[in-house]
Amino acid sequence: MRLAVISDIHSNYESLERVFARIDQDGVDAVLNLGDIVGYNASPNECLELLQSRVVWSLAGNHDLALLELERAEFFNIIAYQAIIYARRQVKAKHLPFLQSLPLLWEGEGFLACHGTPTSVDSYVTYHFQGKRVFNYLRRHSAVRLCFFGHTHKRALWCRDVRGKVALLDITSEKINLTPENLYLINPGSVGQPRDGNPEASYAIFDFRDFSVEFKNVPYDIESAQRRILEAGLPEFLAERLAQGK
């Protein structure tokens, strides 16, 4: 199976549309969405409609949950909070059952998928000790070798080898062949608000046939997404950061 993995769409329709157009050319068998469909950008309804028009395995992210339960956004920074208020006002009632149905954890054959970590939608995997904590969780699930996660908006490939050594591996533009005996944590980056210095939309393809992963970037109409943000009255910073990839 070839699995396309996307995450952190954040109401950016321009980027999501281009990512799906590229995925359709990739010859994948399934698409996995790791959550945060809404927030930050100005097109929540368009993104929700596009997702529901396709066969996509989708999870809930912390921004999706905050749209449904505003008290969850009390710990957001002020800009993220304002964007959630905007999304709550914009999202059509017909989309709420879909958002309410999203699970926090997805378990496939040999892999887990989550937004933050398998135990918390709000937690990050950024530092070494956080990666080790998730690997310890995976070790209690002997059939699972992989965990796909998002939330950080940055691509990442963590490895725990058979000796127990945990390391953050380099990511290249080429297909990366992995070792089936090791454990891996894979973050595809963000579709709608990349923060790894590259403003292009980011996603990944995992091929279970040869146990490999390929990280991909897709250019999209950033100026159009920026105009939508400004016309919606959202903070200008949200438009500026799209062009910076930060």
C-alpha atoms as a PDB file:
ATOM      1  CA  MET A   1       0.000   0.000   0.000  1.00  0.00           C
ATOM      2  CA  ARG A   2       1.094   3.523  -0.824  1.00  0.00           C
ATOM      3  CA  LEU A   3      -0.252   5.934   1.777  1.00  0.00           C
ATOM      4  CA  ALA A   4      -0.324   9.731   1.363  1.00  0.00           C
ATOM      5  CA  VAL A   5      -0.080  11.473   4.742  1.00  0.00           C
ATOM      6  CA  ILE A   6      -1.233  15.074   5.185  1.00  0.00           C
ATOM      7  CA  SER A   7      -1.625  17.242   8.272  1.00  0.00           C
ATOM      8  CA  ASP A   8      -2.406  20.733   9.564  1.00  0.00           C
ATOM      9  CA  ILE A   9      -4.499  22.005   6.656  1.00  0.00           C
ATOM     10  CA  HIS A  10      -5.694  24.951   8.761  1.00  0.00           C
ATOM     11  CA  SER A  11      -8.382  26.271   6.427  1.00  0.00           C
ATOM     12  CA  ASN A  12      -5.962  26.846   3.544  1.00  0.00           C
ATOM     13  CA  TYR A  13      -8.000  25.816   0.518  1.00  0.00           C
ATOM     14  CA  GLU A  14      -5.456  26.929  -2.064  1.00  0.00           C
ATOM     15  CA  SER A  15      -2.782  24.643  -0.628  1.00  0.00           C
ATOM     16  CA  LEU A  16      -5.113  21.688   0.007  1.00  0.00           C
ATOM     17  CA  GLU A  17      -6.416  21.784  -3.552  1.00  0.00           C
ATOM     18  CA  ARG A  18      -2.901  21.676  -4.981  1.00  0.00           C
ATOM     19  CA  VAL A  19      -1.793  18.898  -2.626  1.00  0.00           C
ATOM     20  CA  PHE A  20      -4.732  16.721  -3.663  1.00  0.00           C
ATOM     21  CA  ALA A  21      -3.976  17.408  -7.328  1.00  0.00           C
ATOM     22  CA  ARG A  22      -0.417  16.179  -6.769  1.00  0.00           C
ATOM     23  CA  ILE A  23      -1.528  13.193  -4.678  1.00  0.00           C
ATOM     24  CA  ASP A  24      -3.819  12.137  -7.529  1.00  0.00           C
ATOM     25  CA  GLN A  25      -0.691  11.863  -9.691  1.00  0.00           C
ATOM     26  CA  ASP A  26       1.242   9.889  -7.067  1.00  0.00           C
ATOM     27  CA  GLY A  27      -0.663   6.637  -7.459  1.00  0.00           C
ATOM     28  CA  VAL A  28      -1.541   6.220  -3.786  1.00  0.00           C
ATOM     29  CA  ASP A  29      -3.988   3.713  -2.362  1.00  0.00           C
ATOM     30  CA  ALA A  30      -5.203   5.806   0.580  1.00  0.00           C
ATOM     31  CA  VAL A  31      -4.950   9.265   2.141  1.00  0.00           C
ATOM     32  CA  LEU A  32      -4.480   9.854   5.871  1.00  0.00           C
ATOM     33  CA  ASN A  33      -5.215  13.281   7.370  1.00  0.00           C
ATOM     34  CA  LEU A  34      -3.695  13.882  10.823  1.00  0.00           C
ATOM     35  CA  GLY A  35      -5.984  16.738  11.852  1.00  0.00           C
ATOM     36  CA  ASP A  36      -6.246  20.488  12.329  1.00  0.00           C
ATOM     37  CA  ILE A  37      -8.499  21.030   9.354  1.00  0.00           C
ATOM     38  CA  VAL A  38      -9.566  24.457  10.645  1.00  0.00           C
ATOM     39  CA  GLY A  39      -7.833  27.464  12.209  1.00  0.00           C
ATOM     40  CA  TYR A  40      -5.426  30.227  11.106  1.00  0.00           C
ATOM     41  CA  ASN A  41      -6.519  30.646   7.475  1.00  0.00           C
ATOM     42  CA  ALA A  42      -9.777  31.850   5.924  1.00  0.00           C
ATOM     43  CA  SER A  43     -11.389  28.919   4.078  1.00  0.00           C
ATOM     44  CA  PRO A  44     -12.685  26.358   6.603  1.00  0.00           C
ATOM     45  CA  ASN A  45     -15.870  25.465   4.694  1.00  0.00           C
ATOM     46  CA  GLU A  46     -14.074  24.967   1.396  1.00  0.00           C
ATOM     47  CA  CYS A  47     -11.529  22.661   3.038  1.00  0.00           C
ATOM     48  CA  LEU A  48     -14.195  20.666   4.862  1.00  0.00           C
ATOM     49  CA  GLU A  49     -16.185  20.244   1.668  1.00  0.00           C
ATOM     50  CA  LEU A  50     -13.141  19.117  -0.314  1.00  0.00           C
ATOM     51  CA  LEU A  51     -12.138  16.586   2.343  1.00  0.00           C
ATOM     52  CA  GLN A  52     -15.623  15.127   2.537  1.00  0.00           C
ATOM     53  CA  SER A  53     -15.842  14.823  -1.249  1.00  0.00           C
ATOM     54  CA  ARG A  54     -12.952  12.336  -1.201  1.00  0.00           C
ATOM     55  CA  VAL A  55     -12.099   9.102   0.588  1.00  0.00           C
ATOM     56  CA  VAL A  56      -9.783  10.291   3.366  1.00  0.00           C
ATOM     57  CA  TRP A  57      -9.037   8.802   6.788  1.00  0.00           C
ATOM     58  CA  SER A  58      -9.222  11.878   9.003  1.00  0.00           C
ATOM     59  CA  LEU A  59      -8.331  12.529  12.634  1.00  0.00           C
ATOM     60  CA  ALA A  60      -9.214  15.407  14.941  1.00  0.00           C
ATOM     61  CA  GLY A  61      -6.596  18.021  15.785  1.00  0.00           C
ATOM     62  CA  ASN A  62      -6.586  20.391  18.719  1.00  0.00           C
ATOM     63  CA  HIS A  63      -7.944  23.260  16.587  1.00  0.00           C
ATOM     64  CA  ASP A  64     -10.792  21.069  15.336  1.00  0.00           C
ATOM     65  CA  LEU A  65     -11.689  20.245  18.935  1.00  0.00           C
ATOM     66  CA  ALA A  66     -11.427  23.914  19.926  1.00  0.00           C
ATOM     67  CA  LEU A  67     -13.944  24.837  17.248  1.00  0.00           C
ATOM     68  CA  LEU A  68     -16.401  22.424  18.852  1.00  0.00           C
ATOM     69  CA  GLU A  69     -15.492  23.331  22.452  1.00  0.00           C
ATOM     70  CA  LEU A  70     -14.222  26.895  22.715  1.00  0.00           C
ATOM     71  CA  GLU A  71     -12.806  26.430  26.214  1.00  0.00           C
ATOM     72  CA  ARG A  72     -10.091  24.280  24.639  1.00  0.00           C
ATOM     73  CA  ALA A  73      -8.791  27.438  22.948  1.00  0.00           C
ATOM     74  CA  GLU A  74      -8.231  29.267  26.231  1.00  0.00           C
ATOM     75  CA  PHE A  75      -4.577  28.181  26.178  1.00  0.00           C
ATOM     76  CA  PHE A  76      -4.023  29.240  22.536  1.00  0.00           C
ATOM     77  CA  ASN A  77      -2.086  32.394  21.772  1.00  0.00           C
ATOM     78  CA  ILE A  78      -4.267  35.396  20.940  1.00  0.00           C
ATOM     79  CA  ILE A  79      -3.868  35.059  17.168  1.00  0.00           C
ATOM     80  CA  ALA A  80      -4.784  31.368  17.166  1.00  0.00           C
ATOM     81  CA  TYR A  81      -7.734  32.175  19.414  1.00  0.00           C
ATOM     82  CA  GLN A  82      -8.998  34.879  17.045  1.00  0.00           C
ATOM     83  CA  ALA A  83      -8.751  32.454  14.135  1.00  0.00           C
ATOM     84  CA  ILE A  84     -10.830  29.872  15.987  1.00  0.00           C
ATOM     85  CA  ILE A  85     -13.490  32.489  16.749  1.00  0.00           C
ATOM     86  CA  TYR A  86     -13.572  33.283  13.023  1.00  0.00           C
ATOM     87  CA  ALA A  87     -13.867  29.595  12.103  1.00  0.00           C
ATOM     88  CA  ARG A  88     -16.682  29.032  14.620  1.00  0.00           C
ATOM     89  CA  ARG A  89     -18.644  31.843  12.988  1.00  0.00           C
ATOM     90  CA  GLN A  90     -17.955  30.642   9.450  1.00  0.00           C
ATOM     91  CA  VAL A  91     -18.284  26.854   9.554  1.00  0.00           C
ATOM     92  CA  LYS A  92     -21.668  25.706   8.291  1.00  0.00           C
ATOM     93  CA  ALA A  93     -23.819  23.589  10.587  1.00  0.00           C
ATOM     94  CA  LYS A  94     -23.830  20.760   8.044  1.00  0.00           C
ATOM     95  CA  HIS A  95     -20.091  20.211   8.666  1.00  0.00           C
ATOM     96  CA  LEU A  96     -20.339  19.867  12.444  1.00  0.00           C
ATOM     97  CA  PRO A  97     -21.326  16.153  12.474  1.00  0.00           C
ATOM     98  CA  PHE A  98     -18.222  15.383  10.418  1.00  0.00           C
ATOM     99  CA  LEU A  99     -15.970  17.270  12.826  1.00  0.00           C
ATOM    100  CA  GLN A 100     -17.671  15.647  15.811  1.00  0.00           C
ATOM    101  CA  SER A 101     -17.107  12.185  14.331  1.00  0.00           C
ATOM    102  CA  LEU A 102     -13.330  12.511  13.941  1.00  0.00           C
ATOM    103  CA  PRO A 103     -11.323  10.079  16.117  1.00  0.00           C
ATOM    104  CA  LEU A 104      -8.217  11.042  18.086  1.00  0.00           C
ATOM    105  CA  LEU A 105      -6.265   7.911  17.140  1.00  0.00           C
ATOM    106  CA  TRP A 106      -6.180   5.753  14.034  1.00  0.00           C
ATOM    107  CA  GLU A 107      -4.703   2.269  14.032  1.00  0.00           C
ATOM    108  CA  GLY A 108      -3.872   0.616  10.756  1.00  0.00           C
ATOM    109  CA  GLU A 109      -1.942  -2.517   9.902  1.00  0.00           C
ATOM    110  CA  GLY A 110       1.456  -1.957  11.493  1.00  0.00           C
ATOM    111  CA  PHE A 111       1.002   1.747  12.234  1.00  0.00           C
ATOM    112  CA  LEU A 112      -0.653   4.288  14.490  1.00  0.00           C
ATOM    113  CA  ALA A 113      -1.701   7.808  13.548  1.00  0.00           C
ATOM    114  CA  CYS A 114      -2.392  10.772  15.810  1.00  0.00           C
ATOM    115  CA  HIS A 115      -2.319  14.553  15.755  1.00  0.00           C
ATOM    116  CA  GLY A 116       0.010  15.351  18.668  1.00  0.00           C
ATOM    117  CA  THR A 117       0.969  12.057  20.314  1.00  0.00           C
ATOM    118  CA  PRO A 118      -0.954   8.794  20.770  1.00  0.00           C
ATOM    119  CA  THR A 119      -1.917   9.877  24.296  1.00  0.00           C
ATOM    120  CA  SER A 120      -2.594  13.606  23.810  1.00  0.00           C
ATOM    121  CA  VAL A 121      -3.835  15.709  20.923  1.00  0.00           C
ATOM    122  CA  ASP A 122      -2.148  18.757  22.488  1.00  0.00           C
ATOM    123  CA  SER A 123       1.340  17.299  23.070  1.00  0.00           C
ATOM    124  CA  TYR A 124       4.300  17.878  20.760  1.00  0.00           C
ATOM    125  CA  VAL A 125       7.101  15.672  19.505  1.00  0.00           C
ATOM    126  CA  THR A 126       9.908  18.194  19.120  1.00  0.00           C
ATOM    127  CA  TYR A 127      12.610  17.179  21.566  1.00  0.00           C
ATOM    128  CA  HIS A 128      14.494  13.946  22.160  1.00  0.00           C
ATOM    129  CA  PHE A 129      12.711  13.080  25.414  1.00  0.00           C
ATOM    130  CA  GLN A 130       9.324  13.530  23.725  1.00  0.00           C
ATOM    131  CA  GLY A 131      10.310  11.174  20.937  1.00  0.00           C
ATOM    132  CA  LYS A 132      11.506   8.575  23.446  1.00  0.00           C
ATOM    133  CA  ARG A 133       8.194   8.796  25.269  1.00  0.00           C
ATOM    134  CA  VAL A 134       6.236   7.958  22.113  1.00  0.00           C
ATOM    135  CA  PHE A 135       8.626   5.139  21.219  1.00  0.00           C
ATOM    136  CA  ASN A 136       8.047   3.646  24.657  1.00  0.00           C
ATOM    137  CA  TYR A 137       4.328   3.752  23.907  1.00  0.00           C
ATOM    138  CA  LEU A 138       4.896   1.987  20.564  1.00  0.00           C
ATOM    139  CA  ARG A 139       6.975  -0.728  22.224  1.00  0.00           C
ATOM    140  CA  ARG A 140       3.885  -1.743  24.187  1.00  0.00           C
ATOM    141  CA  HIS A 141       2.174  -2.375  20.847  1.00  0.00           C
ATOM    142  CA  SER A 142       4.419  -5.052  19.378  1.00  0.00           C
ATOM    143  CA  ALA A 143       2.734  -5.076  15.955  1.00  0.00           C
ATOM    144  CA  VAL A 144       3.243  -1.335  15.420  1.00  0.00           C
ATOM    145  CA  ARG A 145       6.450  -0.094  13.786  1.00  0.00           C
ATOM    146  CA  LEU A 146       5.331   3.385  12.772  1.00  0.00           C
ATOM    147  CA  CYS A 147       3.546   6.393  14.194  1.00  0.00           C
ATOM    148  CA  PHE A 148       2.422   9.236  11.943  1.00  0.00           C
ATOM    149  CA  PHE A 149       1.938  12.548  13.769  1.00  0.00           C
ATOM    150  CA  GLY A 150       1.498  16.249  13.025  1.00  0.00           C
ATOM    151  CA  HIS A 151       0.887  19.337  15.191  1.00  0.00           C
ATOM    152  CA  THR A 152       4.395  20.880  14.930  1.00  0.00           C
ATOM    153  CA  HIS A 153       3.982  21.990  11.274  1.00  0.00           C
ATOM    154  CA  LYS A 154       7.529  20.734  10.665  1.00  0.00           C
ATOM    155  CA  ARG A 155       8.611  17.622   8.786  1.00  0.00           C
ATOM    156  CA  ALA A 156      10.394  15.095  10.966  1.00  0.00           C
ATOM    157  CA  LEU A 157      11.698  11.539  10.848  1.00  0.00           C
ATOM    158  CA  TRP A 158      12.539   9.983  14.217  1.00  0.00           C
ATOM    159  CA  CYS A 159      14.100   6.520  14.550  1.00  0.00           C
ATOM    160  CA  ARG A 160      14.572   4.068  17.416  1.00  0.00           C
ATOM    161  CA  ASP A 161      16.958   1.314  16.329  1.00  0.00           C
ATOM    162  CA  VAL A 162      17.156  -2.221  17.676  1.00  0.00           C
ATOM    163  CA  ARG A 163      19.748  -1.111  20.271  1.00  0.00           C
ATOM    164  CA  GLY A 164      17.321   1.431  21.675  1.00  0.00           C
ATOM    165  CA  LYS A 165      19.112   4.511  20.303  1.00  0.00           C
ATOM    166  CA  VAL A 166      16.721   7.356  19.430  1.00  0.00           C
ATOM    167  CA  ALA A 167      17.743   9.857  16.752  1.00  0.00           C
ATOM    168  CA  LEU A 168      16.241  12.539  14.527  1.00  0.00           C
ATOM    169  CA  LEU A 169      17.193  11.585  10.973  1.00  0.00           C
ATOM    170  CA  ASP A 170      18.006  13.887   8.070  1.00  0.00           C
ATOM    171  CA  ILE A 171      15.278  14.428   5.496  1.00  0.00           C
ATOM    172  CA  THR A 172      16.170  14.593   1.812  1.00  0.00           C
ATOM    173  CA  SER A 173      14.150  15.251  -1.332  1.00  0.00           C
ATOM    174  CA  GLU A 174      14.666  11.621  -2.389  1.00  0.00           C
ATOM    175  CA  LYS A 175      12.844   8.504  -1.239  1.00  0.00           C
ATOM    176  CA  ILE A 176      14.223   7.313   2.105  1.00  0.00           C
ATOM    177  CA  ASN A 177      14.457   3.568   2.602  1.00  0.00           C
ATOM    178  CA  LEU A 178      13.831   2.557   6.213  1.00  0.00           C
ATOM    179  CA  THR A 179      14.739  -0.531   8.222  1.00  0.00           C
ATOM    180  CA  PRO A 180      11.690  -2.653   9.119  1.00  0.00           C
ATOM    181  CA  GLU A 181      13.264  -3.799  12.408  1.00  0.00           C
ATOM    182  CA  ASN A 182      13.408  -0.205  13.703  1.00  0.00           C
ATOM    183  CA  LEU A 183      10.601   2.004  15.019  1.00  0.00           C
ATOM    184  CA  TYR A 184       9.802   5.332  13.342  1.00  0.00           C
ATOM    185  CA  LEU A 185       7.873   8.527  14.042  1.00  0.00           C
ATOM    186  CA  ILE A 186       6.982  10.435  10.888  1.00  0.00           C
ATOM    187  CA  ASN A 187       5.674  13.987  10.604  1.00  0.00           C
ATOM    188  CA  PRO A 188       4.695  14.993   7.036  1.00  0.00           C
ATOM    189  CA  GLY A 189       4.814  18.727   7.787  1.00  0.00           C
ATOM    190  CA  SER A 190       1.925  21.095   7.191  1.00  0.00           C
ATOM    191  CA  VAL A 191      -0.316  21.517   4.171  1.00  0.00           C
ATOM    192  CA  GLY A 192      -1.728  24.875   5.212  1.00  0.00           C
ATOM    193  CA  GLN A 193       0.865  26.663   7.342  1.00  0.00           C
ATOM    194  CA  PRO A 194       4.407  25.232   6.990  1.00  0.00           C
ATOM    195  CA  ARG A 195       6.901  26.321   9.640  1.00  0.00           C
ATOM    196  CA  ASP A 196      10.088  24.674   8.422  1.00  0.00           C
ATOM    197  CA  GLY A 197      11.317  27.601   6.330  1.00  0.00           C
ATOM    198  CA  ASN A 198       9.778  26.423   3.063  1.00  0.00           C
ATOM    199  CA  PRO A 199       6.445  28.116   2.264  1.00  0.00           C
ATOM    200  CA  GLU A 200       5.343  25.347  -0.096  1.00  0.00           C
ATOM    201  CA  ALA A 201       2.715  22.888   1.117  1.00  0.00           C
ATOM    202  CA  SER A 202       4.197  19.734   2.585  1.00  0.00           C
ATOM    203  CA  TYR A 203       3.060  16.095   2.731  1.00  0.00           C
ATOM    204  CA  ALA A 204       4.572  12.602   2.695  1.00  0.00           C
ATOM    205  CA  ILE A 205       4.056   9.258   1.016  1.00  0.00           C
ATOM    206  CA  PHE A 206       4.787   6.050   2.877  1.00  0.00           C
ATOM    207  CA  ASP A 207       5.178   2.898   0.791  1.00  0.00           C
ATOM    208  CA  PHE A 208       4.572  -0.245   2.817  1.00  0.00           C
ATOM    209  CA  ARG A 209       5.796  -2.445  -0.017  1.00  0.00           C
ATOM    210  CA  ASP A 210       9.435  -1.395   0.330  1.00  0.00           C
ATOM    211  CA  PHE A 211       9.126   0.339   3.733  1.00  0.00           C
ATOM    212  CA  SER A 212      10.096   3.759   2.471  1.00  0.00           C
ATOM    213  CA  VAL A 213       8.996   7.350   2.952  1.00  0.00           C
ATOM    214  CA  GLU A 214       9.174  10.309   0.595  1.00  0.00           C
ATOM    215  CA  PHE A 215       8.630  13.889   1.748  1.00  0.00           C
ATOM    216  CA  LYS A 216       7.134  16.182  -0.864  1.00  0.00           C
ATOM    217  CA  ASN A 217       6.547  19.908  -1.332  1.00  0.00           C
ATOM    218  CA  VAL A 218       3.941  21.528  -3.553  1.00  0.00           C
ATOM    219  CA  PRO A 219       3.867  25.188  -4.654  1.00  0.00           C
ATOM    220  CA  TYR A 220       0.473  26.872  -4.467  1.00  0.00           C
ATOM    221  CA  ASP A 221      -1.103  30.315  -4.863  1.00  0.00           C
ATOM    222  CA  ILE A 222       0.074  31.885  -1.610  1.00  0.00           C
ATOM    223  CA  GLU A 223      -1.033  35.373  -2.634  1.00  0.00           C
ATOM    224  CA  SER A 224      -4.618  34.200  -3.060  1.00  0.00           C
ATOM    225  CA  ALA A 225      -4.597  32.582   0.395  1.00  0.00           C
ATOM    226  CA  GLN A 226      -3.150  35.793   1.836  1.00  0.00           C
ATOM    227  CA  ARG A 227      -5.875  37.910   0.227  1.00  0.00           C
ATOM    228  CA  ARG A 228      -8.544  35.701   1.751  1.00  0.00           C
ATOM    229  CA  ILE A 229      -7.002  36.140   5.192  1.00  0.00           C
ATOM    230  CA  LEU A 230      -6.906  39.918   4.909  1.00  0.00           C
ATOM    231  CA  GLU A 231     -10.407  40.178   3.438  1.00  0.00           C
ATOM    232  CA  ALA A 232     -11.702  38.048   6.333  1.00  0.00           C
ATOM    233  CA  GLY A 233     -10.274  40.528   8.824  1.00  0.00           C
ATOM    234  CA  LEU A 234      -7.925  37.973  10.356  1.00  0.00           C
ATOM    235  CA  PRO A 235      -4.581  39.176  11.799  1.00  0.00           C
ATOM    236  CA  GLU A 236      -2.164  40.344   9.093  1.00  0.00           C
ATOM    237  CA  PHE A 237       0.579  38.217  10.633  1.00  0.00           C
ATOM    238  CA  LEU A 238      -1.254  35.085   9.486  1.00  0.00           C
ATOM    239  CA  ALA A 239      -0.947  36.240   5.883  1.00  0.00           C
ATOM    240  CA  GLU A 240       2.678  37.287   6.236  1.00  0.00           C
ATOM    241  CA  ARG A 241       3.858  34.013   7.703  1.00  0.00           C
ATOM    242  CA  LEU A 242       2.537  31.978   4.764  1.00  0.00           C
ATOM    243  CA  ALA A 243       5.127  33.532   2.482  1.00  0.00           C
ATOM    244  CA  GLN A 244       7.868  32.981   5.057  1.00  0.00           C
ATOM    245  CA  GLY A 245       7.131  29.343   5.861  1.00  0.00           C
ATOM    246  CA  LYS A 246       7.489  30.170   9.564  1.00  0.00           C
END
